[in-house]
Amino acid sequence: MKQWYAKEFSRLTQVSVRTLHHYDKIGLLKPSLRLSNRYRLYSEQDLSKLQQIIALKFFGFELAQIKRLLAHNANMLENLGMQAKFLQEKAETLLQAKLK
């Protein structure tokens, strides 16, 4: 199984090392392994989880919401549908306010 140090993982995913450390600190994305020298090693499974985090952020979910969704293995499609509906309603409200 492929593993990357934080800097390599950052380059691969285009997510800053600082952001990776923040995600680790808040428990959103813990590296698969932490070496005795405190280096973080990320796995292919971590890569998959980070891709989910990035997608959910793109759709407007907050980090706390993402953490809950991933922790509870909630139905991703259902949650994305609800978020899409929320964003559509928000866009309509903003458009109506702009037209007034």
Protein backbone atom coordinates (compact mmCIF):
# COMPACT_ATOMS: atom_id res chain seq x y z
CA MET A 1 0.00 0.00 0.00
CA LYS A 2 1.31 3.43 -0.98
CA GLN A 3 2.10 5.97 1.76
CA TRP A 4 3.14 9.60 1.65
CA TYR A 5 4.73 12.00 4.10
CA ALA A 6 2.67 15.12 4.77
CA LYS A 7 4.67 17.26 2.33
CA GLU A 8 4.31 14.67 -0.46
CA PHE A 9 0.62 14.21 0.33
CA SER A 10 0.19 17.98 0.21
CA ARG A 11 1.76 18.16 -3.24
CA LEU A 12 -0.32 15.24 -4.48
CA THR A 13 -3.62 16.66 -3.24
CA GLN A 14 -2.84 20.38 -3.51
CA VAL A 15 -3.97 20.80 0.09
CA SER A 16 -1.46 22.71 2.21
CA VAL A 17 0.50 20.97 4.95
CA ARG A 18 -0.96 23.52 7.36
CA THR A 19 -4.49 22.45 6.36
CA LEU A 20 -3.55 18.78 6.76
CA HIS A 21 -2.23 19.53 10.25
CA HIS A 22 -5.45 21.40 11.06
CA TYR A 23 -7.58 18.48 9.86
CA ASP A 24 -5.48 16.20 12.07
CA LYS A 25 -5.85 18.53 15.06
CA ILE A 26 -9.66 18.66 14.79
CA GLY A 27 -9.92 14.92 14.11
CA LEU A 28 -11.26 15.26 10.59
CA LEU A 29 -8.38 13.49 8.84
CA LYS A 30 -5.93 11.63 11.02
CA PRO A 31 -2.89 10.24 9.21
CA SER A 32 -2.74 6.46 9.11
CA LEU A 33 0.58 6.45 10.90
CA ARG A 34 2.57 8.85 13.00
CA LEU A 35 6.24 7.97 13.34
CA SER A 36 8.28 8.39 16.54
CA ASN A 37 9.78 11.56 15.07
CA ARG A 38 6.16 12.89 14.78
CA TYR A 39 6.16 12.70 10.98
CA ARG A 40 2.75 11.96 9.56
CA LEU A 41 2.24 9.22 6.97
CA TYR A 42 -0.89 9.23 4.84
CA SER A 43 -2.28 6.18 3.04
CA GLU A 44 -4.45 5.57 -0.01
CA GLN A 45 -7.42 5.32 2.37
CA ASP A 46 -6.54 8.80 3.70
CA LEU A 47 -6.40 10.03 0.11
CA SER A 48 -9.91 8.75 -0.52
CA LYS A 49 -11.18 10.39 2.67
CA LEU A 50 -9.51 13.70 1.76
CA GLN A 51 -11.16 13.60 -1.67
CA GLN A 52 -14.53 13.23 0.07
CA ILE A 53 -13.70 16.17 2.36
CA ILE A 54 -12.74 18.34 -0.62
CA ALA A 55 -15.95 17.44 -2.46
CA LEU A 56 -18.13 18.15 0.57
CA LYS A 57 -16.38 21.49 1.14
CA PHE A 58 -17.02 22.35 -2.52
CA PHE A 59 -20.73 21.72 -1.95
CA GLY A 60 -20.79 24.10 1.00
CA PHE A 61 -20.57 21.78 3.98
CA GLU A 62 -18.72 23.11 7.03
CA LEU A 63 -15.88 21.10 8.55
CA ALA A 64 -17.96 20.15 11.62
CA GLN A 65 -20.72 18.85 9.33
CA ILE A 66 -18.21 16.91 7.24
CA LYS A 67 -16.74 15.35 10.36
CA ARG A 68 -20.19 14.18 11.48
CA LEU A 69 -21.07 12.86 8.03
CA LEU A 70 -17.87 10.87 7.71
CA ALA A 71 -18.02 9.61 11.30
CA HIS A 72 -21.55 8.28 10.92
CA ASN A 73 -21.05 6.95 7.40
CA ALA A 74 -24.18 8.84 6.45
CA ASN A 75 -25.73 8.36 3.03
CA MET A 76 -23.56 10.68 0.96
CA LEU A 77 -25.97 11.07 -1.96
CA GLU A 78 -28.86 11.96 0.33
CA ASN A 79 -26.77 14.57 2.12
CA LEU A 80 -25.52 16.05 -1.13
CA GLY A 81 -29.11 16.28 -2.37
CA MET A 82 -30.17 18.12 0.77
CA GLN A 83 -27.21 20.49 0.50
CA ALA A 84 -27.96 21.14 -3.19
CA LYS A 85 -31.56 22.01 -2.29
CA PHE A 86 -30.34 24.35 0.47
CA LEU A 87 -27.90 26.08 -1.90
CA GLN A 88 -30.57 26.46 -4.57
CA GLU A 89 -32.96 28.06 -2.07
CA LYS A 90 -30.18 30.36 -0.86
CA ALA A 91 -29.36 31.38 -4.46
CA GLU A 92 -33.03 32.12 -5.15
CA THR A 93 -33.27 34.24 -2.00
CA LEU A 94 -30.17 36.20 -2.97
CA LEU A 95 -31.46 36.69 -6.50
CA GLN A 96 -34.82 37.97 -5.24
CA ALA A 97 -33.07 40.37 -2.86
CA LYS A 98 -30.93 41.66 -5.72
CA LEU A 99 -33.98 42.24 -7.93
CA LYS A 100 -35.72 44.36 -5.28
